[in-house]
Amino acid sequence: MSNSKNRNKRLAGSLAALGTQAGTPSASSTASASSGSSLGVTSAQRKQKKQTSSNVVQVPSQSLNTQLALQNLAFNQNLLAQTFGANLDRTNADYFNTLDLAKYRDQSAEDRLNIKTSGVESRATAVAQGEQDRLSIGTRYAGELQLTNAQIAGQQALAHVTGEEERLSIGARYAGETALQAGKYAGETGLIETQGAQTRQNISAQGTQDRLNIATSGEQERLNIGARYAGEQGLERTRGEEERKTVVTSGEQQRETIGRTASEQRATDLQQEMFRRYKENRDYTQAQTQYRA
């Protein structure tokens, strides 16, 4: 409040000073205006006169002073506003920090109370749960014991009956298996004798057929060997003749190639020799010509 009052006082003083300066013109400006009006000099003539005169007299401008005063006043106002804004921000920050600290303290106290209450309730729940679990375990153990005793008694009775039935079944199965084995033995004996006779006949027939197959196979193999030997002899004879012809033709072609290569080489050497002699003659002629020149 004191800062705003001081600021308002300074603003009122500055405005009063500006009003006083604007309402009471200076003597120099009054004298220049009266002299200008009495002589009837126009502004263009005054401008021309100022340009031609060597001694220039500056006339103070009331608008410039007013503008400077207003700028100074605006700067002071901005400075005061910024200072006031900064102080207000610090005050607000301190106030809100105080509120936040109080809120955090209250929240922490509530959290501690909630944790304490939750711990008490959890312990009470654990005690009740333990009591119920122990009661349930005792009841379940008694029921399971009774069920186990009943199951054991039932299993013992079932085992006794099962043993008797199994013994009866074993006796009947043994008698049946004995009769079955006797009948099976008699049947298998006759079947073995019949199978032996048939097997011996099959072996005899198979031996006869094998010997016939071997004889036929030997004859065919000898015929094949003779035909293959004759064919191979003819093939070798033809291959030898063709190879000899190939060797003769290859020798003729090689000799012709060697002769042609030798003739071409001699022609190449002759051409190189002629070119060498031509170059020597040309170089000699050029040397003679340069020497004479």
C-alpha atoms as a PDB file:
ATOM      1  CA  MET A   1       0.000   0.000   0.000  1.00  0.00           C
ATOM      2  CA  SER A   2       2.785   2.433   0.829  1.00  0.00           C
ATOM      3  CA  ASN A   3       4.511   1.685  -2.509  1.00  0.00           C
ATOM      4  CA  SER A   4       1.299   2.385  -4.476  1.00  0.00           C
ATOM      5  CA  LYS A   5       0.744   5.642  -2.589  1.00  0.00           C
ATOM      6  CA  ASN A   6       4.301   6.808  -3.293  1.00  0.00           C
ATOM      7  CA  ARG A   7       3.930   5.828  -6.931  1.00  0.00           C
ATOM      8  CA  ASN A   8       0.666   7.790  -7.250  1.00  0.00           C
ATOM      9  CA  LYS A   9       2.269  10.825  -5.615  1.00  0.00           C
ATOM     10  CA  ARG A  10       5.229  10.738  -8.023  1.00  0.00           C
ATOM     11  CA  LEU A  11       2.861  10.348 -11.007  1.00  0.00           C
ATOM     12  CA  ALA A  12       0.764  13.327  -9.875  1.00  0.00           C
ATOM     13  CA  GLY A  13       3.911  15.455  -9.420  1.00  0.00           C
ATOM     14  CA  SER A  14       5.226  14.543 -12.873  1.00  0.00           C
ATOM     15  CA  LEU A  15       1.897  15.354 -14.535  1.00  0.00           C
ATOM     16  CA  ALA A  16       1.713  18.676 -12.700  1.00  0.00           C
ATOM     17  CA  ALA A  17       5.245  19.564 -13.833  1.00  0.00           C
ATOM     18  CA  LEU A  18       4.389  18.643 -17.426  1.00  0.00           C
ATOM     19  CA  GLY A  19       1.214  20.746 -17.282  1.00  0.00           C
ATOM     20  CA  THR A  20       3.117  23.720 -15.939  1.00  0.00           C
ATOM     21  CA  GLN A  21       5.732  23.467 -18.675  1.00  0.00           C
ATOM     22  CA  ALA A  22       3.052  23.117 -21.356  1.00  0.00           C
ATOM     23  CA  GLY A  23       0.961  26.080 -20.054  1.00  0.00           C
ATOM     24  CA  THR A  24       3.811  28.682 -19.603  1.00  0.00           C
ATOM     25  CA  PRO A  25       5.939  29.003 -22.758  1.00  0.00           C
ATOM     26  CA  SER A  26       9.505  30.281 -22.450  1.00  0.00           C
ATOM     27  CA  ALA A  27      10.551  33.851 -23.100  1.00  0.00           C
ATOM     28  CA  SER A  28      12.710  32.960 -26.053  1.00  0.00           C
ATOM     29  CA  SER A  29       9.823  31.214 -27.838  1.00  0.00           C
ATOM     30  CA  THR A  30       7.491  34.202 -27.112  1.00  0.00           C
ATOM     31  CA  ALA A  31      10.052  36.672 -28.400  1.00  0.00           C
ATOM     32  CA  SER A  32      10.665  34.695 -31.573  1.00  0.00           C
ATOM     33  CA  ALA A  33       6.915  34.333 -32.190  1.00  0.00           C
ATOM     34  CA  SER A  34       6.290  38.095 -31.668  1.00  0.00           C
ATOM     35  CA  SER A  35       9.198  39.077 -33.904  1.00  0.00           C
ATOM     36  CA  GLY A  36       8.031  36.651 -36.589  1.00  0.00           C
ATOM     37  CA  SER A  37       4.463  37.989 -36.506  1.00  0.00           C
ATOM     38  CA  SER A  38       5.524  41.663 -36.495  1.00  0.00           C
ATOM     39  CA  LEU A  39       7.841  41.318 -39.455  1.00  0.00           C
ATOM     40  CA  GLY A  40       5.509  39.014 -41.399  1.00  0.00           C
ATOM     41  CA  VAL A  41       8.236  36.423 -42.099  1.00  0.00           C
ATOM     42  CA  THR A  42       6.980  33.094 -43.392  1.00  0.00           C
ATOM     43  CA  SER A  43       8.263  29.694 -42.327  1.00  0.00           C
ATOM     44  CA  ALA A  44       9.958  29.072 -45.689  1.00  0.00           C
ATOM     45  CA  GLN A  45      11.806  32.367 -45.401  1.00  0.00           C
ATOM     46  CA  ARG A  46      12.879  31.547 -41.841  1.00  0.00           C
ATOM     47  CA  LYS A  47      14.135  28.134 -43.040  1.00  0.00           C
ATOM     48  CA  GLN A  48      16.066  29.744 -45.872  1.00  0.00           C
ATOM     49  CA  LYS A  49      17.452  32.305 -43.478  1.00  0.00           C
ATOM     50  CA  LYS A  50      18.628  29.619 -41.057  1.00  0.00           C
ATOM     51  CA  GLN A  51      20.342  27.710 -43.887  1.00  0.00           C
ATOM     52  CA  THR A  52      22.189  30.821 -45.160  1.00  0.00           C
ATOM     53  CA  SER A  53      23.161  32.135 -41.743  1.00  0.00           C
ATOM     54  CA  SER A  54      26.463  31.031 -40.261  1.00  0.00           C
ATOM     55  CA  ASN A  55      25.411  31.490 -36.588  1.00  0.00           C
ATOM     56  CA  VAL A  56      22.600  28.990 -35.849  1.00  0.00           C
ATOM     57  CA  VAL A  57      20.559  29.422 -32.665  1.00  0.00           C
ATOM     58  CA  GLN A  58      18.729  26.341 -31.440  1.00  0.00           C
ATOM     59  CA  VAL A  59      15.280  26.855 -30.043  1.00  0.00           C
ATOM     60  CA  PRO A  60      14.328  24.389 -27.301  1.00  0.00           C
ATOM     61  CA  SER A  61      11.365  22.107 -28.279  1.00  0.00           C
ATOM     62  CA  GLN A  62       8.625  21.678 -25.709  1.00  0.00           C
ATOM     63  CA  SER A  63       7.431  18.424 -27.371  1.00  0.00           C
ATOM     64  CA  LEU A  64      10.870  16.796 -26.970  1.00  0.00           C
ATOM     65  CA  ASN A  65      10.991  17.639 -23.264  1.00  0.00           C
ATOM     66  CA  THR A  66       7.469  16.322 -22.854  1.00  0.00           C
ATOM     67  CA  GLN A  67       8.345  13.071 -24.669  1.00  0.00           C
ATOM     68  CA  LEU A  68      11.471  12.595 -22.535  1.00  0.00           C
ATOM     69  CA  ALA A  69       9.488  13.182 -19.365  1.00  0.00           C
ATOM     70  CA  LEU A  70       6.802  10.721 -20.470  1.00  0.00           C
ATOM     71  CA  GLN A  71       9.431   8.104 -21.347  1.00  0.00           C
ATOM     72  CA  ASN A  72      11.100   8.581 -17.944  1.00  0.00           C
ATOM     73  CA  LEU A  73       7.706   8.313 -16.283  1.00  0.00           C
ATOM     74  CA  ALA A  74       6.826   5.153 -18.248  1.00  0.00           C
ATOM     75  CA  PHE A  75      10.197   3.582 -17.356  1.00  0.00           C
ATOM     76  CA  ASN A  76       9.615   4.316 -13.654  1.00  0.00           C
ATOM     77  CA  GLN A  77       6.097   2.892 -13.890  1.00  0.00           C
ATOM     78  CA  ASN A  78       7.391  -0.308 -15.524  1.00  0.00           C
ATOM     79  CA  LEU A  79      10.126  -0.629 -12.901  1.00  0.00           C
ATOM     80  CA  LEU A  80       7.597  -0.176 -10.085  1.00  0.00           C
ATOM     81  CA  ALA A  81       5.206  -2.675 -11.702  1.00  0.00           C
ATOM     82  CA  GLN A  82       7.965  -5.280 -12.091  1.00  0.00           C
ATOM     83  CA  THR A  83       9.095  -4.780  -8.482  1.00  0.00           C
ATOM     84  CA  PHE A  84       5.533  -5.064  -7.236  1.00  0.00           C
ATOM     85  CA  GLY A  85       4.949  -8.192  -9.373  1.00  0.00           C
ATOM     86  CA  ALA A  86       8.132  -9.839  -8.037  1.00  0.00           C
ATOM     87  CA  ASN A  87       7.146  -9.077  -4.422  1.00  0.00           C
ATOM     88  CA  LEU A  88       3.659 -10.438  -5.078  1.00  0.00           C
ATOM     89  CA  ASP A  89       5.114 -13.622  -6.622  1.00  0.00           C
ATOM     90  CA  ARG A  90       7.341 -14.188  -3.603  1.00  0.00           C
ATOM     91  CA  THR A  91       4.394 -13.620  -1.250  1.00  0.00           C
ATOM     92  CA  ASN A  92       2.217 -16.040  -3.208  1.00  0.00           C
ATOM     93  CA  ALA A  93       5.017 -18.624  -3.318  1.00  0.00           C
ATOM     94  CA  ASP A  94       5.500 -18.417   0.478  1.00  0.00           C
ATOM     95  CA  TYR A  95       1.742 -18.686   1.027  1.00  0.00           C
ATOM     96  CA  PHE A  96       1.286 -21.699  -1.253  1.00  0.00           C
ATOM     97  CA  ASN A  97       4.401 -23.401   0.183  1.00  0.00           C
ATOM     98  CA  THR A  98       2.882 -23.013   3.655  1.00  0.00           C
ATOM     99  CA  LEU A  99      -0.397 -24.528   2.415  1.00  0.00           C
ATOM    100  CA  ASP A 100       1.442 -27.423   0.757  1.00  0.00           C
ATOM    101  CA  LEU A 101       3.434 -28.166   3.921  1.00  0.00           C
ATOM    102  CA  ALA A 102       0.246 -28.209   5.995  1.00  0.00           C
ATOM    103  CA  LYS A 103      -1.462 -30.473   3.461  1.00  0.00           C
ATOM    104  CA  TYR A 104       1.524 -32.864   3.453  1.00  0.00           C
ATOM    105  CA  ARG A 105       1.560 -32.995   7.243  1.00  0.00           C
ATOM    106  CA  ASP A 106      -2.186 -33.753   7.384  1.00  0.00           C
ATOM    107  CA  GLN A 107      -1.870 -36.368   4.642  1.00  0.00           C
ATOM    108  CA  SER A 108       1.065 -38.060   6.438  1.00  0.00           C
ATOM    109  CA  ALA A 109      -0.900 -38.165   9.696  1.00  0.00           C
ATOM    110  CA  GLU A 110      -3.893 -39.735   7.933  1.00  0.00           C
ATOM    111  CA  ASP A 111      -1.622 -42.260   6.221  1.00  0.00           C
ATOM    112  CA  ARG A 112      -0.073 -43.276   9.540  1.00  0.00           C
ATOM    113  CA  LEU A 113      -3.518 -43.696  11.125  1.00  0.00           C
ATOM    114  CA  ASN A 114      -4.681 -45.789   8.147  1.00  0.00           C
ATOM    115  CA  ILE A 115      -1.576 -47.981   8.362  1.00  0.00           C
ATOM    116  CA  LYS A 116      -2.034 -48.465  12.107  1.00  0.00           C
ATOM    117  CA  THR A 117      -5.710 -49.385  11.710  1.00  0.00           C
ATOM    118  CA  SER A 118      -4.894 -51.717   8.826  1.00  0.00           C
ATOM    119  CA  GLY A 119      -2.238 -53.485  10.951  1.00  0.00           C
ATOM    120  CA  VAL A 120      -4.654 -53.990  13.856  1.00  0.00           C
ATOM    121  CA  GLU A 121      -7.353 -55.362  11.564  1.00  0.00           C
ATOM    122  CA  SER A 122      -4.866 -57.622   9.752  1.00  0.00           C
ATOM    123  CA  ARG A 123      -3.663 -59.123  13.030  1.00  0.00           C
ATOM    124  CA  ALA A 124      -7.227 -59.715  14.214  1.00  0.00           C
ATOM    125  CA  THR A 125      -8.082 -61.329  10.874  1.00  0.00           C
ATOM    126  CA  ALA A 126      -4.986 -63.558  11.096  1.00  0.00           C
ATOM    127  CA  VAL A 127      -5.978 -64.722  14.618  1.00  0.00           C
ATOM    128  CA  ALA A 128      -9.526 -65.570  13.518  1.00  0.00           C
ATOM    129  CA  GLN A 129      -8.284 -67.288  10.378  1.00  0.00           C
ATOM    130  CA  GLY A 130      -5.862 -69.411  12.436  1.00  0.00           C
ATOM    131  CA  GLU A 131      -8.618 -70.535  14.797  1.00  0.00           C
ATOM    132  CA  GLN A 132     -10.904 -71.499  11.896  1.00  0.00           C
ATOM    133  CA  ASP A 133      -8.072 -73.313  10.109  1.00  0.00           C
ATOM    134  CA  ARG A 134      -7.277 -75.358  13.210  1.00  0.00           C
ATOM    135  CA  LEU A 135     -10.940 -76.302  13.668  1.00  0.00           C
ATOM    136  CA  SER A 136     -11.192 -77.250   9.979  1.00  0.00           C
ATOM    137  CA  ILE A 137      -8.014 -79.338  10.171  1.00  0.00           C
ATOM    138  CA  GLY A 138      -9.305 -81.257  13.230  1.00  0.00           C
ATOM    139  CA  THR A 139     -12.651 -81.964  11.587  1.00  0.00           C
ATOM    140  CA  ARG A 140     -11.050 -83.004   8.317  1.00  0.00           C
ATOM    141  CA  TYR A 141      -8.555 -85.259  10.099  1.00  0.00           C
ATOM    142  CA  ALA A 142     -11.339 -87.083  12.022  1.00  0.00           C
ATOM    143  CA  GLY A 143     -13.365 -87.568   8.808  1.00  0.00           C
ATOM    144  CA  GLU A 144     -10.350 -88.789   6.900  1.00  0.00           C
ATOM    145  CA  LEU A 145      -9.478 -91.249   9.697  1.00  0.00           C
ATOM    146  CA  GLN A 146     -12.992 -92.735   9.655  1.00  0.00           C
ATOM    147  CA  LEU A 147     -12.937 -92.939   5.860  1.00  0.00           C
ATOM    148  CA  THR A 148      -9.541 -94.641   5.918  1.00  0.00           C
ATOM    149  CA  ASN A 149     -10.688 -97.251   8.458  1.00  0.00           C
ATOM    150  CA  ALA A 150     -13.795 -97.995   6.360  1.00  0.00           C
ATOM    151  CA  GLN A 151     -11.707 -98.286   3.190  1.00  0.00           C
ATOM    152  CA  ILE A 152      -9.275-100.706   4.889  1.00  0.00           C
ATOM    153  CA  ALA A 153     -12.123-102.922   6.130  1.00  0.00           C
ATOM    154  CA  GLY A 154     -13.713-102.966   2.665  1.00  0.00           C
ATOM    155  CA  GLN A 155     -10.397-103.752   0.986  1.00  0.00           C
ATOM    156  CA  GLN A 156      -9.757-106.653   3.393  1.00  0.00           C
ATOM    157  CA  ALA A 157     -13.191-108.182   2.681  1.00  0.00           C
ATOM    158  CA  LEU A 158     -12.716-107.681  -1.047  1.00  0.00           C
ATOM    159  CA  ALA A 159      -9.278-109.329  -0.917  1.00  0.00           C
ATOM    160  CA  HIS A 160     -10.715-112.382   0.901  1.00  0.00           C
ATOM    161  CA  VAL A 161     -13.485-112.857  -1.672  1.00  0.00           C
ATOM    162  CA  THR A 162     -11.116-112.172  -4.547  1.00  0.00           C
ATOM    163  CA  GLY A 163      -8.651-114.812  -3.261  1.00  0.00           C
ATOM    164  CA  GLU A 164     -11.340-117.467  -3.066  1.00  0.00           C
ATOM    165  CA  GLU A 165     -12.624-116.685  -6.558  1.00  0.00           C
ATOM    166  CA  GLU A 166      -9.105-116.660  -7.995  1.00  0.00           C
ATOM    167  CA  ARG A 167      -8.337-120.071  -6.468  1.00  0.00           C
ATOM    168  CA  LEU A 168     -11.524-121.534  -7.988  1.00  0.00           C
ATOM    169  CA  SER A 169     -10.717-119.949 -11.334  1.00  0.00           C
ATOM    170  CA  ILE A 170      -7.155-121.291 -11.273  1.00  0.00           C
ATOM    171  CA  GLY A 171      -8.391-124.859 -10.615  1.00  0.00           C
ATOM    172  CA  ALA A 172     -10.922-124.732 -13.446  1.00  0.00           C
ATOM    173  CA  ARG A 173      -8.410-123.085 -15.821  1.00  0.00           C
ATOM    174  CA  TYR A 174      -5.771-125.735 -14.998  1.00  0.00           C
ATOM    175  CA  ALA A 175      -8.175-128.597 -15.775  1.00  0.00           C
ATOM    176  CA  GLY A 176      -9.225-126.956 -19.059  1.00  0.00           C
ATOM    177  CA  GLU A 177      -5.645-126.184 -20.062  1.00  0.00           C
ATOM    178  CA  THR A 178      -4.615-129.837 -19.380  1.00  0.00           C
ATOM    179  CA  ALA A 179      -7.332-131.197 -21.651  1.00  0.00           C
ATOM    180  CA  LEU A 180      -6.485-128.548 -24.290  1.00  0.00           C
ATOM    181  CA  GLN A 181      -2.786-129.376 -24.197  1.00  0.00           C
ATOM    182  CA  ALA A 182      -3.508-133.104 -24.662  1.00  0.00           C
ATOM    183  CA  GLY A 183      -5.705-132.489 -27.694  1.00  0.00           C
ATOM    184  CA  LYS A 184      -3.251-129.959 -29.081  1.00  0.00           C
ATOM    185  CA  TYR A 185      -0.342-132.404 -28.693  1.00  0.00           C
ATOM    186  CA  ALA A 186      -2.163-135.124 -30.597  1.00  0.00           C
ATOM    187  CA  GLY A 187      -3.096-132.714 -33.383  1.00  0.00           C
ATOM    188  CA  GLU A 188       0.354-131.151 -33.569  1.00  0.00           C
ATOM    189  CA  THR A 189       1.999-134.622 -33.788  1.00  0.00           C
ATOM    190  CA  GLY A 190      -0.084-135.559 -36.835  1.00  0.00           C
ATOM    191  CA  LEU A 191       0.475-132.113 -38.363  1.00  0.00           C
ATOM    192  CA  ILE A 192       4.254-132.357 -37.905  1.00  0.00           C
ATOM    193  CA  GLU A 193       4.374-135.783 -39.613  1.00  0.00           C
ATOM    194  CA  THR A 194       2.340-134.486 -42.556  1.00  0.00           C
ATOM    195  CA  GLN A 195       4.452-131.300 -42.813  1.00  0.00           C
ATOM    196  CA  GLY A 196       7.674-133.372 -42.754  1.00  0.00           C
ATOM    197  CA  ALA A 197       6.526-135.549 -45.627  1.00  0.00           C
ATOM    198  CA  GLN A 198       5.453-132.544 -47.691  1.00  0.00           C
ATOM    199  CA  THR A 199       8.684-130.725 -46.924  1.00  0.00           C
ATOM    200  CA  ARG A 200      10.788-133.660 -48.105  1.00  0.00           C
ATOM    201  CA  GLN A 201       8.812-133.851 -51.358  1.00  0.00           C
ATOM    202  CA  ASN A 202       9.206-130.106 -51.881  1.00  0.00           C
ATOM    203  CA  ILE A 203      12.964-130.336 -51.279  1.00  0.00           C
ATOM    204  CA  SER A 204      13.320-133.147 -53.802  1.00  0.00           C
ATOM    205  CA  ALA A 205      11.333-131.270 -56.460  1.00  0.00           C
ATOM    206  CA  GLN A 206      13.259-128.065 -55.717  1.00  0.00           C
ATOM    207  CA  GLY A 207      16.600-129.871 -56.140  1.00  0.00           C
ATOM    208  CA  THR A 208      15.536-131.289 -59.507  1.00  0.00           C
ATOM    209  CA  GLN A 209      14.432-127.823 -60.718  1.00  0.00           C
ATOM    210  CA  ASP A 210      17.623-126.200 -59.434  1.00  0.00           C
ATOM    211  CA  ARG A 211      19.804-128.672 -61.322  1.00  0.00           C
ATOM    212  CA  LEU A 212      17.855-128.078 -64.532  1.00  0.00           C
ATOM    213  CA  ASN A 213      18.102-124.300 -64.026  1.00  0.00           C
ATOM    214  CA  ILE A 214      21.861-124.533 -63.422  1.00  0.00           C
ATOM    215  CA  ALA A 215      22.405-126.592 -66.580  1.00  0.00           C
ATOM    216  CA  THR A 216      20.338-124.192 -68.683  1.00  0.00           C
ATOM    217  CA  SER A 217      22.036-121.183 -67.129  1.00  0.00           C
ATOM    218  CA  GLY A 218      25.503-122.634 -67.867  1.00  0.00           C
ATOM    219  CA  GLU A 219      24.683-123.236 -71.511  1.00  0.00           C
ATOM    220  CA  GLN A 220      23.261-119.722 -71.944  1.00  0.00           C
ATOM    221  CA  GLU A 221      26.228-118.186 -70.184  1.00  0.00           C
ATOM    222  CA  ARG A 222      28.704-120.027 -72.446  1.00  0.00           C
ATOM    223  CA  LEU A 223      26.795-118.825 -75.510  1.00  0.00           C
ATOM    224  CA  ASN A 224      26.815-115.269 -74.181  1.00  0.00           C
ATOM    225  CA  ILE A 225      30.558-115.427 -73.445  1.00  0.00           C
ATOM    226  CA  GLY A 226      31.307-116.654 -76.979  1.00  0.00           C
ATOM    227  CA  ALA A 227      29.149-113.943 -78.566  1.00  0.00           C
ATOM    228  CA  ARG A 228      30.613-111.255 -76.318  1.00  0.00           C
ATOM    229  CA  TYR A 229      34.184-112.420 -77.053  1.00  0.00           C
ATOM    230  CA  ALA A 230      33.545-112.309 -80.818  1.00  0.00           C
ATOM    231  CA  GLY A 231      31.966-108.844 -80.528  1.00  0.00           C
ATOM    232  CA  GLU A 232      34.828-107.551 -78.412  1.00  0.00           C
ATOM    233  CA  GLN A 233      37.403-108.854 -80.921  1.00  0.00           C
ATOM    234  CA  GLY A 234      35.606-107.085 -83.777  1.00  0.00           C
ATOM    235  CA  LEU A 235      35.299-103.933 -81.699  1.00  0.00           C
ATOM    236  CA  GLU A 236      39.001-103.976 -80.808  1.00  0.00           C
ATOM    237  CA  ARG A 237      39.937-104.554 -84.445  1.00  0.00           C
ATOM    238  CA  THR A 238      37.769-101.634 -85.597  1.00  0.00           C
ATOM    239  CA  ARG A 239      39.070 -99.407 -82.798  1.00  0.00           C
ATOM    240  CA  GLY A 240      42.703-100.183 -83.769  1.00  0.00           C
ATOM    241  CA  GLU A 241      42.067 -99.356 -87.419  1.00  0.00           C
ATOM    242  CA  GLU A 242      40.361 -96.095 -86.521  1.00  0.00           C
ATOM    243  CA  GLU A 243      43.123 -95.117 -84.109  1.00  0.00           C
ATOM    244  CA  ARG A 244      45.777 -95.787 -86.780  1.00  0.00           C
ATOM    245  CA  LYS A 245      43.848 -93.651 -89.250  1.00  0.00           C
ATOM    246  CA  THR A 246      43.531 -90.922 -86.643  1.00  0.00           C
ATOM    247  CA  VAL A 247      47.279 -91.014 -85.947  1.00  0.00           C
ATOM    248  CA  VAL A 248      48.073 -90.785 -89.673  1.00  0.00           C
ATOM    249  CA  THR A 249      45.678 -87.888 -90.179  1.00  0.00           C
ATOM    250  CA  SER A 250      46.987 -86.125 -87.076  1.00  0.00           C
ATOM    251  CA  GLY A 251      50.590 -86.497 -88.294  1.00  0.00           C
ATOM    252  CA  GLU A 252      49.697 -85.109 -91.725  1.00  0.00           C
ATOM    253  CA  GLN A 253      47.890 -82.161 -90.175  1.00  0.00           C
ATOM    254  CA  GLN A 254      50.728 -81.469 -87.763  1.00  0.00           C
ATOM    255  CA  ARG A 255      53.305 -81.566 -90.565  1.00  0.00           C
ATOM    256  CA  GLU A 256      51.173 -79.257 -92.691  1.00  0.00           C
ATOM    257  CA  THR A 257      50.703 -76.922 -89.730  1.00  0.00           C
ATOM    258  CA  ILE A 258      54.447 -76.892 -88.989  1.00  0.00           C
ATOM    259  CA  GLY A 259      55.245 -76.151 -92.676  1.00  0.00           C
ATOM    260  CA  ARG A 260      52.667 -73.371 -92.814  1.00  0.00           C
ATOM    261  CA  THR A 261      53.921 -71.899 -89.567  1.00  0.00           C
ATOM    262  CA  ALA A 262      57.535 -71.968 -90.830  1.00  0.00           C
ATOM    263  CA  SER A 263      56.591 -70.246 -94.119  1.00  0.00           C
ATOM    264  CA  GLU A 264      54.619 -67.591 -92.264  1.00  0.00           C
ATOM    265  CA  GLN A 265      57.482 -67.053 -89.858  1.00  0.00           C
ATOM    266  CA  ARG A 266      59.927 -66.667 -92.788  1.00  0.00           C
ATOM    267  CA  ALA A 267      57.616 -64.158 -94.464  1.00  0.00           C
ATOM    268  CA  THR A 268      57.299 -62.239 -91.182  1.00  0.00           C
ATOM    269  CA  ASP A 269      61.084 -62.209 -90.687  1.00  0.00           C
ATOM    270  CA  LEU A 270      61.571 -61.046 -94.302  1.00  0.00           C
ATOM    271  CA  GLN A 271      59.075 -58.223 -93.832  1.00  0.00           C
ATOM    272  CA  GLN A 272      60.723 -57.156 -90.577  1.00  0.00           C
ATOM    273  CA  GLU A 273      64.142 -57.187 -92.267  1.00  0.00           C
ATOM    274  CA  MET A 274      62.849 -55.096 -95.187  1.00  0.00           C
ATOM    275  CA  PHE A 275      61.261 -52.617 -92.782  1.00  0.00           C
ATOM    276  CA  ARG A 276      64.509 -52.412 -90.804  1.00  0.00           C
ATOM    277  CA  ARG A 277      66.494 -51.696 -93.979  1.00  0.00           C
ATOM    278  CA  TYR A 278      63.904 -49.108 -95.008  1.00  0.00           C
ATOM    279  CA  LYS A 279      64.233 -47.339 -91.649  1.00  0.00           C
ATOM    280  CA  GLU A 280      68.030 -47.409 -91.858  1.00  0.00           C
ATOM    281  CA  ASN A 281      67.932 -45.974 -95.388  1.00  0.00           C
ATOM    282  CA  ARG A 282      65.445 -43.307 -94.341  1.00  0.00           C
ATOM    283  CA  ASP A 283      67.484 -42.333 -91.278  1.00  0.00           C
ATOM    284  CA  TYR A 284      70.653 -42.208 -93.413  1.00  0.00           C
ATOM    285  CA  THR A 285      68.972 -40.018 -96.052  1.00  0.00           C
ATOM    286  CA  GLN A 286      67.592 -37.650 -93.397  1.00  0.00           C
ATOM    287  CA  ALA A 287      71.015 -37.401 -91.757  1.00  0.00           C
ATOM    288  CA  GLN A 288      72.661 -36.599 -95.093  1.00  0.00           C
ATOM    289  CA  THR A 289      70.023 -33.981 -95.875  1.00  0.00           C
ATOM    290  CA  GLN A 290      70.401 -32.320 -92.464  1.00  0.00           C
ATOM    291  CA  TYR A 291      74.182 -32.393 -92.812  1.00  0.00           C
ATOM    292  CA  ARG A 292      74.085 -30.710 -96.192  1.00  0.00           C
ATOM    293  CA  ALA A 293      71.620 -28.119 -94.951  1.00  0.00           C
END
